[in-house]
């Protein structure tokens, strides 16, 4: 950030204020006081992609754990928004949501089948 500030001949505080006012410009730390480096941003992006492919994540917990601002997490996820399913503070990919839904549907079908089998056995007796 200091290189950018020097190149523009402004103070680092001006750059930070600009980024805070325009959260789409950069990923910010959880307390909004620092711009996250590109390498850190790329690492966090890879983590969120991996987590989303395997589970439902809490936005607030993920942001806190990775020490980024919640608006910055939104920025990281913005390019795949159409592939996500939101549950209040939680989210997952549509693909993972389908896996969960299919599993729940299979469990319900087995329960209904077992209830039907038990009911028909009792009605014969």
C-alpha atoms as a PDB file:
ATOM      1  CA  UNK A   1       0.000   0.000   0.000  1.00  0.00           C
ATOM      2  CA  UNK A   2       2.863   2.362   0.744  1.00  0.00           C
ATOM      3  CA  UNK A   3       4.215   1.877  -2.804  1.00  0.00           C
ATOM      4  CA  UNK A   4       0.861   2.916  -4.221  1.00  0.00           C
ATOM      5  CA  UNK A   5       0.678   5.872  -1.873  1.00  0.00           C
ATOM      6  CA  UNK A   6       4.186   6.968  -2.865  1.00  0.00           C
ATOM      7  CA  UNK A   7       3.414   6.547  -6.558  1.00  0.00           C
ATOM      8  CA  UNK A   8       0.343   8.724  -6.207  1.00  0.00           C
ATOM      9  CA  UNK A   9       2.136  11.152  -3.918  1.00  0.00           C
ATOM     10  CA  UNK A  10      -0.443  10.764  -1.141  1.00  0.00           C
ATOM     11  CA  UNK A  11      -0.311   9.352   2.360  1.00  0.00           C
ATOM     12  CA  UNK A  12      -1.064   5.707   3.136  1.00  0.00           C
ATOM     13  CA  UNK A  13      -3.957   6.886   5.279  1.00  0.00           C
ATOM     14  CA  UNK A  14      -5.597   8.390   2.168  1.00  0.00           C
ATOM     15  CA  UNK A  15      -5.278   5.068   0.301  1.00  0.00           C
ATOM     16  CA  UNK A  16      -6.706   3.176   3.295  1.00  0.00           C
ATOM     17  CA  UNK A  17      -9.622   5.625   3.522  1.00  0.00           C
ATOM     18  CA  UNK A  18     -10.316   5.196  -0.199  1.00  0.00           C
ATOM     19  CA  UNK A  19     -10.362   1.415   0.153  1.00  0.00           C
ATOM     20  CA  UNK A  20     -12.563   1.593   3.261  1.00  0.00           C
ATOM     21  CA  UNK A  21     -15.029   3.792   1.377  1.00  0.00           C
ATOM     22  CA  UNK A  22     -14.966   1.505  -1.670  1.00  0.00           C
ATOM     23  CA  UNK A  23     -14.809  -2.072  -0.292  1.00  0.00           C
ATOM     24  CA  UNK A  24     -14.721  -3.559  -3.803  1.00  0.00           C
ATOM     25  CA  UNK A  25     -11.217  -2.200  -4.353  1.00  0.00           C
ATOM     26  CA  UNK A  26      -9.367  -4.509  -1.970  1.00  0.00           C
ATOM     27  CA  UNK A  27      -9.674  -7.082   0.807  1.00  0.00           C
ATOM     28  CA  UNK A  28      -9.447  -5.474   4.234  1.00  0.00           C
ATOM     29  CA  UNK A  29      -8.434  -6.882   7.606  1.00  0.00           C
ATOM     30  CA  UNK A  30     -11.218  -7.683  10.074  1.00  0.00           C
ATOM     31  CA  UNK A  31     -10.775  -4.362  11.859  1.00  0.00           C
ATOM     32  CA  UNK A  32     -10.674  -2.453   8.544  1.00  0.00           C
ATOM     33  CA  UNK A  33      -7.234  -1.043   9.353  1.00  0.00           C
ATOM     34  CA  UNK A  34      -5.067  -2.829   6.758  1.00  0.00           C
ATOM     35  CA  UNK A  35      -5.243  -3.923   3.151  1.00  0.00           C
ATOM     36  CA  UNK A  36      -4.628  -7.663   2.783  1.00  0.00           C
ATOM     37  CA  UNK A  37      -1.787  -8.484   0.389  1.00  0.00           C
ATOM     38  CA  UNK A  38      -2.502 -10.193  -2.914  1.00  0.00           C
ATOM     39  CA  UNK A  39      -0.784 -13.404  -1.809  1.00  0.00           C
ATOM     40  CA  UNK A  40      -2.829 -13.489   1.412  1.00  0.00           C
ATOM     41  CA  UNK A  41      -6.000 -12.739  -0.558  1.00  0.00           C
ATOM     42  CA  UNK A  42      -5.238 -15.581  -2.974  1.00  0.00           C
ATOM     43  CA  UNK A  43      -4.622 -17.955  -0.058  1.00  0.00           C
ATOM     44  CA  UNK A  44      -7.911 -16.962   1.608  1.00  0.00           C
ATOM     45  CA  UNK A  45      -9.730 -17.328  -1.717  1.00  0.00           C
ATOM     46  CA  UNK A  46      -8.350 -20.872  -2.092  1.00  0.00           C
ATOM     47  CA  UNK A  47      -9.449 -21.687   1.481  1.00  0.00           C
ATOM     48  CA  UNK A  48     -12.994 -20.470   0.912  1.00  0.00           C
ATOM     49  CA  UNK A  49     -13.238 -22.411  -2.363  1.00  0.00           C
ATOM     50  CA  UNK A  50     -12.084 -25.602  -0.662  1.00  0.00           C
ATOM     51  CA  UNK A  51     -14.411 -25.110   2.304  1.00  0.00           C
ATOM     52  CA  UNK A  52     -17.410 -24.411   0.078  1.00  0.00           C
ATOM     53  CA  UNK A  53     -16.795 -27.541  -1.978  1.00  0.00           C
ATOM     54  CA  UNK A  54     -16.978 -29.714   1.152  1.00  0.00           C
ATOM     55  CA  UNK A  55     -19.324 -28.059   3.596  1.00  0.00           C
ATOM     56  CA  UNK A  56     -21.615 -25.264   4.647  1.00  0.00           C
ATOM     57  CA  UNK A  57     -19.621 -22.353   6.034  1.00  0.00           C
ATOM     58  CA  UNK A  58     -20.501 -19.535   8.370  1.00  0.00           C
ATOM     59  CA  UNK A  59     -19.618 -16.210   6.764  1.00  0.00           C
ATOM     60  CA  UNK A  60     -18.840 -14.534  10.076  1.00  0.00           C
ATOM     61  CA  UNK A  61     -16.739 -17.422  11.402  1.00  0.00           C
ATOM     62  CA  UNK A  62     -14.789 -17.733   8.158  1.00  0.00           C
ATOM     63  CA  UNK A  63     -14.105 -13.995   8.032  1.00  0.00           C
ATOM     64  CA  UNK A  64     -13.059 -13.899  11.689  1.00  0.00           C
ATOM     65  CA  UNK A  65     -10.877 -17.006  11.406  1.00  0.00           C
ATOM     66  CA  UNK A  66      -9.101 -15.578   8.351  1.00  0.00           C
ATOM     67  CA  UNK A  67      -8.881 -12.090   9.850  1.00  0.00           C
ATOM     68  CA  UNK A  68     -10.722 -10.329   7.044  1.00  0.00           C
ATOM     69  CA  UNK A  69     -13.681  -7.976   7.087  1.00  0.00           C
ATOM     70  CA  UNK A  70     -17.061  -9.548   6.263  1.00  0.00           C
ATOM     71  CA  UNK A  71     -17.499  -7.156   3.310  1.00  0.00           C
ATOM     72  CA  UNK A  72     -14.175  -8.418   1.985  1.00  0.00           C
ATOM     73  CA  UNK A  73     -15.466 -11.984   2.095  1.00  0.00           C
ATOM     74  CA  UNK A  74     -18.391 -10.800  -0.019  1.00  0.00           C
ATOM     75  CA  UNK A  75     -15.867  -9.362  -2.477  1.00  0.00           C
ATOM     76  CA  UNK A  76     -14.051 -12.703  -2.684  1.00  0.00           C
ATOM     77  CA  UNK A  77     -17.323 -14.536  -3.326  1.00  0.00           C
ATOM     78  CA  UNK A  78     -18.786 -12.001  -5.727  1.00  0.00           C
ATOM     79  CA  UNK A  79     -17.609 -13.737  -8.914  1.00  0.00           C
ATOM     80  CA  UNK A  80     -19.432 -16.962  -8.024  1.00  0.00           C
ATOM     81  CA  UNK A  81     -22.558 -15.512  -6.438  1.00  0.00           C
ATOM     82  CA  UNK A  82     -24.811 -17.354  -8.894  1.00  0.00           C
ATOM     83  CA  UNK A  83     -23.299 -20.680  -7.743  1.00  0.00           C
ATOM     84  CA  UNK A  84     -24.003 -20.147  -4.025  1.00  0.00           C
ATOM     85  CA  UNK A  85     -26.916 -20.927  -1.742  1.00  0.00           C
ATOM     86  CA  UNK A  86     -27.415 -18.669   1.271  1.00  0.00           C
ATOM     87  CA  UNK A  87     -28.860 -19.650   4.653  1.00  0.00           C
ATOM     88  CA  UNK A  88     -28.735 -16.464   6.737  1.00  0.00           C
ATOM     89  CA  UNK A  89     -25.056 -16.244   7.787  1.00  0.00           C
ATOM     90  CA  UNK A  90     -24.235 -19.615   6.213  1.00  0.00           C
ATOM     91  CA  UNK A  91     -23.579 -20.569   2.626  1.00  0.00           C
ATOM     92  CA  UNK A  92     -22.509 -23.414   0.375  1.00  0.00           C
ATOM     93  CA  UNK A  93     -22.302 -24.137  -3.318  1.00  0.00           C
ATOM     94  CA  UNK A  94     -25.397 -25.223  -5.211  1.00  0.00           C
ATOM     95  CA  UNK A  95     -23.607 -28.489  -5.977  1.00  0.00           C
ATOM     96  CA  UNK A  96     -23.061 -29.206  -2.266  1.00  0.00           C
ATOM     97  CA  UNK A  97     -26.654 -28.161  -1.516  1.00  0.00           C
ATOM     98  CA  UNK A  98     -27.847 -30.706  -4.103  1.00  0.00           C
ATOM     99  CA  UNK A  99     -25.750 -33.435  -2.461  1.00  0.00           C
ATOM    100  CA  UNK A 100     -27.303 -32.598   0.921  1.00  0.00           C
ATOM    101  CA  UNK A 101     -30.814 -32.440  -0.524  1.00  0.00           C
ATOM    102  CA  UNK A 102     -30.416 -35.771  -2.315  1.00  0.00           C
ATOM    103  CA  UNK A 103     -29.138 -37.391   0.874  1.00  0.00           C
ATOM    104  CA  UNK A 104     -32.030 -36.030   2.924  1.00  0.00           C
ATOM    105  CA  UNK A 105     -34.500 -37.167   0.253  1.00  0.00           C
ATOM    106  CA  UNK A 106     -33.038 -40.697   0.293  1.00  0.00           C
ATOM    107  CA  UNK A 107     -33.291 -40.867   4.092  1.00  0.00           C
ATOM    108  CA  UNK A 108     -36.920 -39.708   4.017  1.00  0.00           C
ATOM    109  CA  UNK A 109     -37.776 -42.250   1.317  1.00  0.00           C
ATOM    110  CA  UNK A 110     -36.271 -45.070   3.389  1.00  0.00           C
ATOM    111  CA  UNK A 111     -38.215 -43.954   6.469  1.00  0.00           C
ATOM    112  CA  UNK A 112     -41.483 -43.775   4.515  1.00  0.00           C
ATOM    113  CA  UNK A 113     -40.813 -47.193   2.971  1.00  0.00           C
ATOM    114  CA  UNK A 114     -40.148 -48.695   6.419  1.00  0.00           C
ATOM    115  CA  UNK A 115     -43.308 -47.118   7.851  1.00  0.00           C
ATOM    116  CA  UNK A 116     -45.336 -48.462   4.932  1.00  0.00           C
ATOM    117  CA  UNK A 117     -43.869 -51.964   5.377  1.00  0.00           C
ATOM    118  CA  UNK A 118     -44.551 -51.954   9.119  1.00  0.00           C
ATOM    119  CA  UNK A 119     -48.111 -50.645   8.586  1.00  0.00           C
ATOM    120  CA  UNK A 120     -48.926 -53.308   6.005  1.00  0.00           C
ATOM    121  CA  UNK A 121     -47.571 -56.070   8.280  1.00  0.00           C
ATOM    122  CA  UNK A 122     -49.763 -54.872  11.169  1.00  0.00           C
ATOM    123  CA  UNK A 123     -52.877 -54.627   9.001  1.00  0.00           C
ATOM    124  CA  UNK A 124     -52.468 -58.281   7.895  1.00  0.00           C
ATOM    125  CA  UNK A 125     -52.290 -59.521  11.449  1.00  0.00           C
END
